[in-house]
Protein backbone atom coordinates (compact mmCIF):
# COMPACT_ATOMS: atom_id res chain seq x y z
CA MET A 1 159.66 132.92 98.12
CA ILE A 2 159.79 136.77 97.17
CA ILE A 3 156.63 138.31 95.64
CA ARG A 4 157.46 141.73 94.30
CA SER A 5 155.44 144.50 95.39
CA LYS A 6 153.43 145.07 91.98
CA ILE A 7 152.31 141.12 92.29
CA GLU A 8 151.33 141.75 96.03
CA GLU A 9 149.54 145.01 94.95
CA ALA A 10 147.46 143.28 92.05
CA LEU A 11 146.72 140.50 94.85
CA ARG A 12 145.17 142.65 97.31
CA ASN A 13 143.31 144.60 94.87
CA GLN A 14 142.15 141.68 92.81
CA ILE A 15 143.80 143.28 89.63
CA PRO A 16 144.15 140.27 86.89
CA ILE A 17 147.58 138.54 87.07
CA VAL A 18 149.31 136.37 84.35
CA ALA A 19 152.06 134.31 85.46
CA LEU A 20 155.10 134.11 82.71
CA GLU A 21 157.62 131.28 82.83
CA SER A 22 161.33 131.98 82.22
CA THR A 23 162.80 128.85 80.76
CA ILE A 24 162.24 130.75 77.51
CA ILE A 25 165.00 133.55 78.82
CA SER A 26 167.52 130.94 79.81
CA HIS A 27 167.05 127.98 77.54
CA GLY A 28 164.66 128.71 74.49
CA MET A 29 166.41 131.65 72.58
CA PRO A 30 169.46 133.34 71.93
CA TYR A 31 170.52 136.48 73.60
CA PRO A 32 169.28 139.37 72.69
CA VAL A 33 165.95 137.81 71.37
CA ASN A 34 165.58 136.07 74.83
CA LEU A 35 165.38 139.58 76.32
CA ASN A 36 163.76 141.29 73.69
CA THR A 37 160.91 138.45 73.75
CA ALA A 38 160.23 138.29 77.70
CA LEU A 39 159.85 141.99 77.74
CA GLU A 40 157.66 141.99 74.87
CA VAL A 41 155.47 139.29 76.23
CA GLU A 42 155.25 141.31 79.63
CA ARG A 43 154.07 144.31 77.56
CA THR A 44 151.40 142.26 76.08
CA VAL A 45 149.78 141.59 79.20
CA ASN A 46 150.14 144.86 80.24
CA GLU A 47 148.40 146.10 76.90
CA GLN A 48 145.49 144.18 77.76
CA GLY A 49 144.87 145.40 81.24
CA ALA A 50 146.80 142.51 83.33
CA VAL A 51 149.88 142.28 85.18
CA PRO A 52 152.51 139.98 84.21
CA ALA A 53 154.42 138.02 86.89
CA THR A 54 157.60 136.43 85.19
CA ILE A 55 158.81 133.73 87.66
CA GLY A 56 162.54 132.54 88.06
CA VAL A 57 165.12 131.98 90.84
CA ILE A 58 168.05 134.19 91.25
CA GLN A 59 170.93 133.19 93.72
CA GLY A 60 168.47 131.01 95.42
CA ASN A 61 165.62 132.95 95.67
CA ILE A 62 162.42 132.36 94.07
CA ILE A 63 161.04 135.08 92.78
CA VAL A 64 157.49 136.18 91.42
CA GLY A 65 157.51 139.28 89.17
CA LEU A 66 160.82 139.52 88.07
CA SER A 67 162.15 142.95 87.57
CA GLU A 68 163.51 143.96 83.93
CA LYS A 69 167.07 144.01 85.21
CA GLU A 70 166.64 140.65 86.60
CA ILE A 71 165.00 139.34 83.60
CA GLU A 72 168.30 140.93 81.59
CA TYR A 73 170.28 139.15 84.22
CA LEU A 74 168.77 135.85 83.27
CA SER A 75 168.90 136.51 79.61
CA LYS A 76 172.86 136.55 79.73
CA ALA A 77 173.64 134.32 82.89
CA GLU A 78 175.31 130.92 82.12
CA ASN A 79 174.82 127.77 84.12
CA VAL A 80 171.23 128.71 84.74
CA LEU A 81 169.28 125.53 86.09
CA LYS A 82 166.41 124.47 84.04
CA LEU A 83 163.88 123.79 86.69
CA SER A 84 161.13 121.41 86.90
CA THR A 85 159.16 121.47 90.52
CA ARG A 86 161.45 118.69 91.59
CA ASP A 87 164.63 120.92 91.35
CA LEU A 88 163.23 123.97 92.98
CA PRO A 89 164.64 123.12 96.79
CA LEU A 90 167.98 121.85 95.29
CA CYS A 91 168.58 125.36 93.31
CA VAL A 92 167.33 127.37 96.54
CA ALA A 93 169.67 125.38 98.81
CA GLN A 94 172.43 125.73 96.44
CA SER A 95 171.82 129.75 96.12
CA ARG A 96 171.96 128.92 92.15
CA ASP A 97 170.08 130.75 89.15
CA GLY A 98 167.17 128.62 87.72
CA ALA A 99 164.49 129.09 84.86
CA THR A 100 161.39 127.49 86.10
CA THR A 101 159.50 125.08 83.07
CA VAL A 102 156.00 124.77 82.55
CA SER A 103 155.63 122.76 85.82
CA ALA A 104 157.68 124.87 88.32
CA THR A 105 155.77 127.94 86.94
CA ALA A 106 152.54 126.73 87.62
CA PHE A 107 153.81 125.02 91.17
CA VAL A 108 154.87 128.82 92.05
CA ALA A 109 151.82 130.28 90.60
CA VAL A 110 149.46 128.43 92.56
CA LYS A 111 151.33 128.97 95.80
CA THR A 112 150.76 132.82 95.32
CA ASN A 113 147.19 132.45 94.41
CA ILE A 114 147.48 133.35 90.37
CA LYS A 115 144.84 131.60 88.38
CA VAL A 116 146.09 132.18 84.89
CA PHE A 117 149.31 131.19 83.30
CA ALA A 118 150.64 131.64 79.67
CA THR A 119 153.30 129.65 78.21
CA GLY A 120 154.27 128.44 74.24
CA GLY A 121 153.86 124.74 74.27
CA ILE A 122 153.49 122.45 77.24
CA GLY A 123 156.19 119.46 77.61
CA GLY A 124 154.58 115.99 77.13
CA VAL A 125 155.27 112.69 76.05
CA HIS A 126 158.08 112.41 73.90
CA ARG A 127 158.39 110.15 70.33
CA GLU A 128 160.96 107.44 71.74
CA VAL A 129 158.77 107.07 75.08
CA ILE A 130 159.04 103.37 74.65
CA GLU A 131 162.51 103.32 74.83
CA SER A 132 163.17 106.21 76.91
CA PHE A 133 160.12 106.75 79.29
CA ASP A 134 160.41 110.37 78.73
CA ILE A 135 157.24 112.05 79.99
CA SER A 136 157.27 115.53 80.93
CA ARG A 137 156.70 116.57 84.65
CA ASP A 138 154.63 119.29 83.09
CA LEU A 139 151.70 116.77 82.65
CA GLU A 140 151.80 115.25 86.02
CA GLU A 141 151.85 118.93 87.47
CA LEU A 142 148.86 119.83 85.64
CA ALA A 143 146.97 117.10 86.94
CA PHE A 144 146.72 118.59 90.52
CA ARG A 145 147.30 122.45 90.16
CA ASP A 146 144.35 124.48 90.05
CA ILE A 147 144.89 126.91 87.30
CA ILE A 148 144.34 127.66 83.46
CA ILE A 149 147.23 127.47 81.42
CA VAL A 150 147.27 129.03 77.81
CA SER A 151 149.36 127.30 75.24
CA SER A 152 149.88 126.67 71.76
CA GLY A 153 149.31 122.54 72.36
CA ALA A 154 152.08 120.66 72.61
CA LYS A 155 155.74 121.09 70.99
CA SER A 156 155.58 119.29 67.67
CA ILE A 157 159.07 117.43 68.83
CA LEU A 158 156.58 115.23 70.77
CA ASP A 159 154.22 112.33 70.42
CA VAL A 160 151.14 114.47 70.44
CA ARG A 161 148.63 112.26 70.37
CA LYS A 162 149.96 110.27 73.45
CA THR A 163 149.99 113.47 75.03
CA VAL A 164 146.83 114.61 74.84
CA GLU A 165 145.62 110.83 75.78
CA TYR A 166 148.09 111.10 79.00
CA LEU A 167 146.38 114.35 79.69
CA GLU A 168 142.97 112.86 79.50
CA THR A 169 144.15 110.30 82.05
CA LYS A 170 145.45 112.59 84.52
CA ASP A 171 141.99 114.24 84.25
CA VAL A 172 143.29 117.70 83.06
CA LEU A 173 140.66 119.27 80.69
CA VAL A 174 141.77 120.60 77.59
CA ILE A 175 139.93 122.96 75.82
CA GLY A 176 140.12 124.89 72.18
CA TYR A 177 140.02 128.40 72.05
CA LYS A 178 138.26 129.44 69.18
CA THR A 179 139.38 125.89 67.76
CA GLU A 180 138.32 122.48 67.96
CA ASP A 181 141.51 121.06 66.62
CA PHE A 182 144.24 120.31 69.11
CA PRO A 183 147.21 122.67 67.81
CA MET A 184 150.74 121.42 67.56
CA PHE A 185 153.29 124.82 68.80
CA TYR A 186 154.15 125.98 64.91
CA SER A 187 151.25 124.27 63.27
CA ARG A 188 147.76 125.00 64.02
CA THR A 189 145.90 121.61 63.48
CA SER A 190 146.57 118.09 64.41
CA GLY A 191 143.66 116.30 63.50
CA ILE A 192 142.91 115.56 67.49
CA LYS A 193 139.40 116.95 68.29
CA ILE A 194 138.92 118.96 71.34
CA PRO A 195 136.05 120.95 72.49
CA LYS A 196 135.90 124.52 71.50
CA ILE A 197 135.24 127.53 73.40
CA GLU A 198 134.42 130.94 71.76
CA ASN A 199 134.97 133.52 74.32
CA VAL A 200 136.75 133.93 77.38
CA GLU A 201 133.97 134.25 79.61
CA ASP A 202 133.11 130.91 79.07
CA ILE A 203 136.52 129.67 79.75
CA ALA A 204 136.29 131.60 83.19
CA LYS A 205 132.78 129.85 83.84
CA ILE A 206 134.12 126.31 83.25
CA PHE A 207 137.11 127.15 85.77
CA PHE A 208 134.47 128.41 88.02
CA GLU A 209 132.46 125.08 88.00
CA LYS A 210 135.56 123.22 88.12
CA ARG A 211 136.52 124.43 91.38
CA LYS A 212 132.77 124.26 92.75
CA LEU A 213 133.07 120.47 91.96
CA GLY A 214 136.48 120.18 93.80
CA ILE A 215 138.17 119.19 90.65
CA ASN A 216 141.78 120.10 91.67
CA SER A 217 143.30 119.67 87.99
CA ALA A 218 144.09 122.45 85.60
CA ILE A 219 142.72 123.47 82.55
CA LEU A 220 144.71 123.43 79.57
CA VAL A 221 143.82 126.33 76.90
CA ALA A 222 145.10 125.51 73.60
CA ASN A 223 145.08 128.36 71.51
CA PRO A 224 146.73 127.98 67.96
CA ILE A 225 149.40 130.15 66.50
CA PRO A 226 148.51 133.19 64.53
CA LEU A 227 147.94 131.79 60.82
CA GLU A 228 150.44 134.60 59.46
CA HIS A 229 153.03 132.39 61.30
CA GLU A 230 151.82 129.05 61.32
CA ILE A 231 154.55 126.45 59.60
CA PRO A 232 152.87 123.83 57.30
CA TYR A 233 152.82 120.54 59.55
CA GLU A 234 154.51 118.42 56.63
CA LEU A 235 157.47 120.83 56.67
CA ASP A 236 157.65 120.95 60.43
CA GLU A 237 157.43 117.03 60.73
CA GLU A 238 160.46 116.95 57.77
CA TRP A 239 162.59 118.90 60.09
CA VAL A 240 161.47 117.46 63.36
CA LYS A 241 162.50 113.71 61.77
CA ILE A 242 165.98 114.95 60.98
CA ALA A 243 166.13 116.70 64.63
CA VAL A 244 164.93 113.78 66.25
CA GLU A 245 167.29 111.53 64.56
CA ASP A 246 170.44 113.87 65.33
CA SER A 247 169.31 113.42 68.88
CA ARG A 248 169.56 109.91 69.13
CA LYS A 249 173.15 109.94 67.33
CA ASN A 250 174.08 112.24 70.04
CA LYS A 251 172.61 110.05 72.55
CA LEU A 252 171.00 112.84 74.60
CA GLU A 253 168.78 112.26 77.39
CA GLY A 254 166.42 114.06 79.87
CA LYS A 255 166.50 117.71 80.00
CA LYS A 256 169.01 117.90 77.31
CA VAL A 257 166.70 116.89 74.43
CA THR A 258 164.40 119.56 74.07
CA PRO A 259 166.47 122.57 74.09
CA PHE A 260 168.62 120.19 71.31
CA LEU A 261 165.74 119.75 69.16
CA LEU A 262 164.57 123.28 69.28
CA SER A 263 167.70 124.58 68.30
CA ARG A 264 168.20 122.20 65.45
CA LEU A 265 164.79 123.38 64.37
CA PHE A 266 165.96 126.71 64.01
CA GLU A 267 168.77 125.79 62.18
CA LEU A 268 167.06 123.61 60.00
CA SER A 269 164.38 126.55 59.21
CA LYS A 270 166.61 129.18 58.81
CA GLY A 271 165.31 131.03 61.57
CA LYS A 272 161.60 130.48 60.77
CA THR A 273 160.55 128.40 63.89
CA LEU A 274 162.33 131.13 66.29
CA GLU A 275 159.90 133.90 64.76
CA SER A 276 156.93 131.44 64.81
CA ASN A 277 157.65 130.96 68.47
CA ILE A 278 158.01 134.71 69.52
CA ALA A 279 154.33 135.51 67.86
CA LEU A 280 152.50 132.30 69.30
CA ILE A 281 154.23 133.33 73.10
CA LYS A 282 153.04 136.65 72.63
CA ASN A 283 149.25 135.62 71.09
CA ASN A 284 149.10 133.26 74.36
CA ALA A 285 150.06 135.93 76.82
CA ARG A 286 147.42 138.44 75.10
CA VAL A 287 144.78 135.53 75.23
CA ALA A 288 145.98 134.74 79.29
CA ALA A 289 145.14 138.19 80.12
CA LEU A 290 141.59 138.51 78.46
CA ILE A 291 141.12 135.00 80.68
CA ALA A 292 142.67 136.80 83.66
CA LYS A 293 140.53 139.80 83.50
CA ALA A 294 137.18 137.44 82.66
CA VAL A 295 137.96 135.08 85.85
CA ASN A 296 138.43 138.36 87.98
CA ARG A 297 134.89 139.39 86.60
CA ASN A 298 133.53 136.47 87.45
CA GLY A 299 134.52 137.11 91.35
CA LEU A 300 137.02 134.14 91.81
CA ASP A 301 138.68 134.21 95.01
């Protein structure tokens, strides 16, 4: 594993760090939107007084703190593996390029002693779970990673209620940042109630108490998409049903499903979902940086 000097320095000097995934670079958005978004997200973290640590794999090297050139490389590269935690050894052994999902990013971040991670939306229980048994590795990873993850809830292409129930089963604390309603990625509300926390200092204190009690699972901070970028639930659900049906017709399975559904939603929404995706990721990065600073102020090592 290669930890870039800026990350090593931040760890030594107890400067707040925010881990960032690389799947949005290689699998979530088209070029050059993916490149511009990744760099904007890093700038957002910097502007809030924290250090961004984008994580990815290049030619078999797990890198914590990708450089701008490396981010650009992943934004253009072909045949980049989509990595969950289990795929990391394969990617490294074969000297491949790989983009880390929530699970792999959380794994590497904890190994590096990074305590806060910003993403768009977590994976979860898929709508066709009874037939496919498709449950994202993200949920299992959160069950035993000592980290705070900021996301806009779960992607609306999933069965969100089952996802929240599964998180409870796995002992993952789900809290809302200034909301008591679990968000659904593009939509701010789902009708699923969660504890509402008004400020980042309290989130840091909850993290500290969790550690003192020896609870090793993650804290998922649900941060709703900014109101001006929200897509109404009814409209989003209409698009999702079409996309899910199309994926079924194409007999897609496993890792191919989510990229297909997101791409189909982009087409159906005439680009609106991509605009919303960018807005929520930047907002999550901003909140994650504020939380990382609060964690540092509370003296967590």
